Amino acid sequence: MTNWDLIPIVPYLLMTPIHGLFGCVYAYAVKLAVDDETYRTFCKKQCESFDVLMKYCGYDPNEDDDSKPKE
């Protein structure tokens, strides 16, 4: 693998901060549009969907690597 093989992922890496910014603006817009209880439900659902995505990618957010005994 050479450095030239990594060129196709550069646009996606540049888009990541933009997606994060739009995600923050969207969450803030939802907070302004709904009452506090509905917003907390929205945040809880977002966290649950993020946990499912992370588990699908192979990372368990509930698993702590530091708690495992070292051999």
PDB file of N, CA and C in Angstrom:
ATOM      1  N   MET A   1       0.850  -1.180   0.000  1.00  0.00           N
ATOM      2  CA  MET A   1       0.000   0.000   0.000  1.00  0.00           C
ATOM      3  C   MET A   1       0.893   1.239   0.000  1.00  0.00           C
ATOM      4  N   THR A   2       0.610   2.127  -0.877  1.00  0.00           N
ATOM      5  CA  THR A   2       1.360   3.376  -0.948  1.00  0.00           C
ATOM      6  C   THR A   2       0.487   4.519  -0.451  1.00  0.00           C
ATOM      7  N   ASN A   3       1.110   5.669  -0.325  1.00  0.00           N
ATOM      8  CA  ASN A   3       0.346   6.844   0.103  1.00  0.00           C
ATOM      9  C   ASN A   3      -0.712   7.229  -0.922  1.00  0.00           C
ATOM     10  N   TRP A   4      -0.479   6.908  -2.193  1.00  0.00           N
ATOM     11  CA  TRP A   4      -1.440   7.242  -3.236  1.00  0.00           C
ATOM     12  C   TRP A   4      -2.725   6.432  -3.100  1.00  0.00           C
ATOM     13  N   ASP A   5      -2.655   5.286  -2.415  1.00  0.00           N
ATOM     14  CA  ASP A   5      -3.859   4.477  -2.215  1.00  0.00           C
ATOM     15  C   ASP A   5      -4.833   5.139  -1.248  1.00  0.00           C
ATOM     16  N   LEU A   6      -4.337   6.063  -0.429  1.00  0.00           N
ATOM     17  CA  LEU A   6      -5.179   6.719   0.568  1.00  0.00           C
ATOM     18  C   LEU A   6      -5.885   7.964   0.025  1.00  0.00           C
ATOM     19  N   ILE A   7      -5.544   8.403  -1.166  1.00  0.00           N
ATOM     20  CA  ILE A   7      -6.124   9.620  -1.746  1.00  0.00           C
ATOM     21  C   ILE A   7      -7.656   9.586  -1.800  1.00  0.00           C
ATOM     22  N   PRO A   8      -8.313   8.471  -2.159  1.00  0.00           N
ATOM     23  CA  PRO A   8      -9.781   8.497  -2.254  1.00  0.00           C
ATOM     24  C   PRO A   8     -10.499   8.792  -0.940  1.00  0.00           C
ATOM     25  N   ILE A   9      -9.864   8.586   0.230  1.00  0.00           N
ATOM     26  CA  ILE A   9     -10.569   8.841   1.488  1.00  0.00           C
ATOM     27  C   ILE A   9     -10.441  10.285   1.948  1.00  0.00           C
ATOM     28  N   VAL A  10      -9.590  11.086   1.306  1.00  0.00           N
ATOM     29  CA  VAL A  10      -9.374  12.466   1.740  1.00  0.00           C
ATOM     30  C   VAL A  10     -10.668  13.283   1.745  1.00  0.00           C
ATOM     31  N   PRO A  11     -11.512  13.237   0.705  1.00  0.00           N
ATOM     32  CA  PRO A  11     -12.758  14.021   0.771  1.00  0.00           C
ATOM     33  C   PRO A  11     -13.654  13.621   1.945  1.00  0.00           C
ATOM     34  N   TYR A  12     -13.671  12.335   2.278  1.00  0.00           N
ATOM     35  CA  TYR A  12     -14.494  11.892   3.403  1.00  0.00           C
ATOM     36  C   TYR A  12     -13.939  12.408   4.721  1.00  0.00           C
ATOM     37  N   LEU A  13     -12.627  12.455   4.854  1.00  0.00           N
ATOM     38  CA  LEU A  13     -12.026  12.999   6.067  1.00  0.00           C
ATOM     39  C   LEU A  13     -12.314  14.489   6.198  1.00  0.00           C
ATOM     40  N   LEU A  14     -12.344  15.190   5.083  1.00  0.00           N
ATOM     41  CA  LEU A  14     -12.651  16.616   5.120  1.00  0.00           C
ATOM     42  C   LEU A  14     -14.120  16.871   5.431  1.00  0.00           C
ATOM     43  N   MET A  15     -14.995  15.935   5.054  1.00  0.00           N
ATOM     44  CA  MET A  15     -16.426  16.106   5.297  1.00  0.00           C
ATOM     45  C   MET A  15     -16.802  15.817   6.744  1.00  0.00           C
ATOM     46  N   THR A  16     -15.978  15.069   7.469  1.00  0.00           N
ATOM     47  CA  THR A  16     -16.318  14.677   8.835  1.00  0.00           C
ATOM     48  C   THR A  16     -16.583  15.879   9.742  1.00  0.00           C
ATOM     49  N   PRO A  17     -15.720  16.901   9.780  1.00  0.00           N
ATOM     50  CA  PRO A  17     -16.036  18.064  10.629  1.00  0.00           C
ATOM     51  C   PRO A  17     -17.308  18.784  10.196  1.00  0.00           C
ATOM     52  N   ILE A  18     -17.569  18.791   8.898  1.00  0.00           N
ATOM     53  CA  ILE A  18     -18.784  19.443   8.400  1.00  0.00           C
ATOM     54  C   ILE A  18     -20.015  18.693   8.892  1.00  0.00           C
ATOM     55  N   HIS A  19     -19.976  17.365   8.853  1.00  0.00           N
ATOM     56  CA  HIS A  19     -21.100  16.584   9.369  1.00  0.00           C
ATOM     57  C   HIS A  19     -21.278  16.811  10.870  1.00  0.00           C
ATOM     58  N   GLY A  20     -20.185  16.915  11.596  1.00  0.00           N
ATOM     59  CA  GLY A  20     -20.269  17.190  13.028  1.00  0.00           C
ATOM     60  C   GLY A  20     -20.914  18.536  13.304  1.00  0.00           C
ATOM     61  N   LEU A  21     -20.545  19.537  12.518  1.00  0.00           N
ATOM     62  CA  LEU A  21     -21.120  20.871  12.679  1.00  0.00           C
ATOM     63  C   LEU A  21     -22.619  20.861  12.393  1.00  0.00           C
ATOM     64  N   PHE A  22     -23.021  20.211  11.291  1.00  0.00           N
ATOM     65  CA  PHE A  22     -24.447  20.129  10.977  1.00  0.00           C
ATOM     66  C   PHE A  22     -25.206  19.333  12.033  1.00  0.00           C
ATOM     67  N   GLY A  23     -24.568  18.301  12.595  1.00  0.00           N
ATOM     68  CA  GLY A  23     -25.202  17.524  13.660  1.00  0.00           C
ATOM     69  C   GLY A  23     -25.464  18.379  14.886  1.00  0.00           C
ATOM     70  N   CYS A  24     -24.499  19.238  15.237  1.00  0.00           N
ATOM     71  CA  CYS A  24     -24.671  20.129  16.390  1.00  0.00           C
ATOM     72  C   CYS A  24     -25.771  21.151  16.141  1.00  0.00           C
ATOM     73  N   VAL A  25     -25.795  21.716  14.949  1.00  0.00           N
ATOM     74  CA  VAL A  25     -26.833  22.698  14.606  1.00  0.00           C
ATOM     75  C   VAL A  25     -28.208  22.044  14.636  1.00  0.00           C
ATOM     76  N   TYR A  26     -28.299  20.816  14.122  1.00  0.00           N
ATOM     77  CA  TYR A  26     -29.576  20.096  14.116  1.00  0.00           C
ATOM     78  C   TYR A  26     -30.043  19.820  15.546  1.00  0.00           C
ATOM     79  N   ALA A  27     -29.130  19.342  16.402  1.00  0.00           N
ATOM     80  CA  ALA A  27     -29.506  19.052  17.790  1.00  0.00           C
ATOM     81  C   ALA A  27     -29.945  20.328  18.506  1.00  0.00           C
ATOM     82  N   TYR A  28     -29.266  21.443  18.254  1.00  0.00           N
ATOM     83  CA  TYR A  28     -29.650  22.700  18.887  1.00  0.00           C
ATOM     84  C   TYR A  28     -31.006  23.180  18.368  1.00  0.00           C
ATOM     85  N   ALA A  29     -31.273  22.979  17.089  1.00  0.00           N
ATOM     86  CA  ALA A  29     -32.569  23.364  16.527  1.00  0.00           C
ATOM     87  C   ALA A  29     -33.689  22.539  17.145  1.00  0.00           C
ATOM     88  N   VAL A  30     -33.435  21.255  17.359  1.00  0.00           N
ATOM     89  CA  VAL A  30     -34.439  20.405  18.014  1.00  0.00           C
ATOM     90  C   VAL A  30     -34.666  20.887  19.437  1.00  0.00           C
ATOM     91  N   LYS A  31     -33.591  21.255  20.138  1.00  0.00           N
ATOM     92  CA  LYS A  31     -33.727  21.734  21.519  1.00  0.00           C
ATOM     93  C   LYS A  31     -34.584  22.997  21.577  1.00  0.00           C
ATOM     94  N   LEU A  32     -34.408  23.886  20.614  1.00  0.00           N
ATOM     95  CA  LEU A  32     -35.199  25.116  20.598  1.00  0.00           C
ATOM     96  C   LEU A  32     -36.656  24.864  20.225  1.00  0.00           C
ATOM     97  N   ALA A  33     -36.910  23.811  19.458  1.00  0.00           N
ATOM     98  CA  ALA A  33     -38.251  23.583  18.923  1.00  0.00           C
ATOM     99  C   ALA A  33     -39.163  22.797  19.856  1.00  0.00           C
ATOM    100  N   VAL A  34     -38.599  22.025  20.781  1.00  0.00           N
ATOM    101  CA  VAL A  34     -39.429  21.145  21.603  1.00  0.00           C
ATOM    102  C   VAL A  34     -39.206  21.428  23.083  1.00  0.00           C
ATOM    103  N   ASP A  35     -40.061  20.830  23.904  1.00  0.00           N
ATOM    104  CA  ASP A  35     -39.923  21.010  25.342  1.00  0.00           C
ATOM    105  C   ASP A  35     -38.778  20.130  25.869  1.00  0.00           C
ATOM    106  N   ASP A  36     -38.429  20.314  27.131  1.00  0.00           N
ATOM    107  CA  ASP A  36     -37.258  19.665  27.722  1.00  0.00           C
ATOM    108  C   ASP A  36     -37.380  18.141  27.737  1.00  0.00           C
ATOM    109  N   GLU A  37     -38.556  17.616  28.082  1.00  0.00           N
ATOM    110  CA  GLU A  37     -38.731  16.163  28.158  1.00  0.00           C
ATOM    111  C   GLU A  37     -38.580  15.504  26.783  1.00  0.00           C
ATOM    112  N   THR A  38     -39.140  16.120  25.759  1.00  0.00           N
ATOM    113  CA  THR A  38     -39.009  15.587  24.400  1.00  0.00           C
ATOM    114  C   THR A  38     -37.554  15.634  23.940  1.00  0.00           C
ATOM    115  N   TYR A  39     -36.850  16.714  24.299  1.00  0.00           N
ATOM    116  CA  TYR A  39     -35.437  16.828  23.917  1.00  0.00           C
ATOM    117  C   TYR A  39     -34.599  15.742  24.590  1.00  0.00           C
ATOM    118  N   ARG A  40     -34.881  15.454  25.857  1.00  0.00           N
ATOM    119  CA  ARG A  40     -34.138  14.389  26.553  1.00  0.00           C
ATOM    120  C   ARG A  40     -34.414  13.027  25.909  1.00  0.00           C
ATOM    121  N   THR A  41     -35.644  12.791  25.478  1.00  0.00           N
ATOM    122  CA  THR A  41     -35.974  11.550  24.773  1.00  0.00           C
ATOM    123  C   THR A  41     -35.221  11.476  23.446  1.00  0.00           C
ATOM    124  N   PHE A  42     -35.161  12.596  22.729  1.00  0.00           N
ATOM    125  CA  PHE A  42     -34.415  12.661  21.468  1.00  0.00           C
ATOM    126  C   PHE A  42     -32.940  12.324  21.693  1.00  0.00           C
ATOM    127  N   CYS A  43     -32.329  12.911  22.725  1.00  0.00           N
ATOM    128  CA  CYS A  43     -30.913  12.656  23.013  1.00  0.00           C
ATOM    129  C   CYS A  43     -30.681  11.196  23.396  1.00  0.00           C
ATOM    130  N   LYS A  44     -31.615  10.629  24.165  1.00  0.00           N
ATOM    131  CA  LYS A  44     -31.479   9.228  24.564  1.00  0.00           C
ATOM    132  C   LYS A  44     -31.537   8.315  23.340  1.00  0.00           C
ATOM    133  N   LYS A  45     -32.462   8.582  22.430  1.00  0.00           N
ATOM    134  CA  LYS A  45     -32.573   7.773  21.206  1.00  0.00           C
ATOM    135  C   LYS A  45     -31.315   7.917  20.340  1.00  0.00           C
ATOM    136  N   GLN A  46     -30.767   9.127  20.263  1.00  0.00           N
ATOM    137  CA  GLN A  46     -29.545   9.337  19.494  1.00  0.00           C
ATOM    138  C   GLN A  46     -28.383   8.543  20.093  1.00  0.00           C
ATOM    139  N   CYS A  47     -28.277   8.530  21.416  1.00  0.00           N
ATOM    140  CA  CYS A  47     -27.212   7.768  22.078  1.00  0.00           C
ATOM    141  C   CYS A  47     -27.380   6.272  21.834  1.00  0.00           C
ATOM    142  N   GLU A  48     -28.620   5.795  21.884  1.00  0.00           N
ATOM    143  CA  GLU A  48     -28.864   4.370  21.637  1.00  0.00           C
ATOM    144  C   GLU A  48     -28.487   3.993  20.205  1.00  0.00           C
ATOM    145  N   SER A  49     -28.838   4.832  19.241  1.00  0.00           N
ATOM    146  CA  SER A  49     -28.499   4.515  17.851  1.00  0.00           C
ATOM    147  C   SER A  49     -26.989   4.590  17.631  1.00  0.00           C
ATOM    148  N   PHE A  50     -26.315   5.505  18.324  1.00  0.00           N
ATOM    149  CA  PHE A  50     -24.861   5.587  18.215  1.00  0.00           C
ATOM    150  C   PHE A  50     -24.205   4.344  18.812  1.00  0.00           C
ATOM    151  N   ASP A  51     -24.731   3.845  19.942  1.00  0.00           N
ATOM    152  CA  ASP A  51     -24.204   2.620  20.548  1.00  0.00           C
ATOM    153  C   ASP A  51     -24.362   1.426  19.611  1.00  0.00           C
ATOM    154  N   VAL A  52     -25.504   1.334  18.939  1.00  0.00           N
ATOM    155  CA  VAL A  52     -25.726   0.241  17.983  1.00  0.00           C
ATOM    156  C   VAL A  52     -24.715   0.331  16.845  1.00  0.00           C
ATOM    157  N   LEU A  53     -24.484   1.537  16.347  1.00  0.00           N
ATOM    158  CA  LEU A  53     -23.517   1.729  15.265  1.00  0.00           C
ATOM    159  C   LEU A  53     -22.110   1.346  15.711  1.00  0.00           C
ATOM    160  N   MET A  54     -21.726   1.734  16.919  1.00  0.00           N
ATOM    161  CA  MET A  54     -20.385   1.413  17.416  1.00  0.00           C
ATOM    162  C   MET A  54     -20.222  -0.091  17.625  1.00  0.00           C
ATOM    163  N   LYS A  55     -21.256  -0.751  18.130  1.00  0.00           N
ATOM    164  CA  LYS A  55     -21.183  -2.207  18.296  1.00  0.00           C
ATOM    165  C   LYS A  55     -21.086  -2.897  16.945  1.00  0.00           C
ATOM    166  N   TYR A  56     -21.776  -2.375  15.945  1.00  0.00           N
ATOM    167  CA  TYR A  56     -21.702  -2.935  14.594  1.00  0.00           C
ATOM    168  C   TYR A  56     -20.284  -2.805  14.033  1.00  0.00           C
ATOM    169  N   CYS A  57     -19.614  -1.719  14.392  1.00  0.00           N
ATOM    170  CA  CYS A  57     -18.237  -1.500  13.921  1.00  0.00           C
ATOM    171  C   CYS A  57     -17.210  -2.260  14.752  1.00  0.00           C
ATOM    172  N   GLY A  58     -17.642  -2.930  15.815  1.00  0.00           N
ATOM    173  CA  GLY A  58     -16.730  -3.747  16.599  1.00  0.00           C
ATOM    174  C   GLY A  58     -16.280  -3.131  17.906  1.00  0.00           C
ATOM    175  N   TYR A  59     -16.845  -2.003  18.292  1.00  0.00           N
ATOM    176  CA  TYR A  59     -16.464  -1.355  19.541  1.00  0.00           C
ATOM    177  C   TYR A  59     -17.657  -1.374  20.480  1.00  0.00           C
ATOM    178  N   ASP A  60     -17.444  -1.916  21.675  1.00  0.00           N
ATOM    179  CA  ASP A  60     -18.512  -1.957  22.672  1.00  0.00           C
ATOM    180  C   ASP A  60     -18.282  -0.820  23.660  1.00  0.00           C
ATOM    181  N   PRO A  61     -19.131   0.204  23.677  1.00  0.00           N
ATOM    182  CA  PRO A  61     -18.914   1.343  24.565  1.00  0.00           C
ATOM    183  C   PRO A  61     -19.032   0.987  26.044  1.00  0.00           C
ATOM    184  N   ASN A  62     -19.674  -0.127  26.360  1.00  0.00           N
ATOM    185  CA  ASN A  62     -19.807  -0.530  27.757  1.00  0.00           C
ATOM    186  C   ASN A  62     -18.622  -1.355  28.232  1.00  0.00           C
ATOM    187  N   GLU A  63     -17.759  -1.753  27.309  1.00  0.00           N
ATOM    188  CA  GLU A  63     -16.607  -2.567  27.663  1.00  0.00           C
ATOM    189  C   GLU A  63     -15.439  -1.650  28.002  1.00  0.00           C
ATOM    190  N   ASP A  64     -14.842  -1.864  29.164  1.00  0.00           N
ATOM    191  CA  ASP A  64     -13.726  -1.036  29.607  1.00  0.00           C
ATOM    192  C   ASP A  64     -12.446  -1.852  29.512  1.00  0.00           C
ATOM    193  N   ASP A  65     -11.522  -1.442  28.666  1.00  0.00           N
ATOM    194  CA  ASP A  65     -10.277  -2.186  28.479  1.00  0.00           C
ATOM    195  C   ASP A  65      -9.390  -2.144  29.718  1.00  0.00           C
ATOM    196  N   ASP A  66      -9.497  -1.076  30.514  1.00  0.00           N
ATOM    197  CA  ASP A  66      -8.646  -0.957  31.694  1.00  0.00           C
ATOM    198  C   ASP A  66      -9.072  -1.890  32.816  1.00  0.00           C
ATOM    199  N   SER A  67     -10.309  -2.361  32.798  1.00  0.00           N
ATOM    200  CA  SER A  67     -10.798  -3.209  33.884  1.00  0.00           C
ATOM    201  C   SER A  67     -10.357  -4.658  33.729  1.00  0.00           C
ATOM    202  N   LYS A  68      -9.838  -5.007  32.556  1.00  0.00           N
ATOM    203  CA  LYS A  68      -9.393  -6.380  32.343  1.00  0.00           C
ATOM    204  C   LYS A  68      -8.057  -6.597  33.049  1.00  0.00           C
ATOM    205  N   PRO A  69      -7.888  -7.746  33.692  1.00  0.00           N
ATOM    206  CA  PRO A  69      -6.600  -8.002  34.347  1.00  0.00           C
ATOM    207  C   PRO A  69      -5.488  -8.162  33.317  1.00  0.00           C
ATOM    208  N   LYS A  70      -4.365  -7.548  33.614  1.00  0.00           N
ATOM    209  CA  LYS A  70      -3.231  -7.638  32.701  1.00  0.00           C
ATOM    210  C   LYS A  70      -2.396  -8.850  33.051  1.00  0.00           C
ATOM    211  N   GLU A  71      -1.977  -9.545  32.030  1.00  0.00           N
ATOM    212  CA  GLU A  71      -1.194 -10.760  32.252  1.00  0.00           C
ATOM    213  C   GLU A  71       0.269 -10.514  32.003  1.00  0.00           C
TER     214      GLU A  71
END
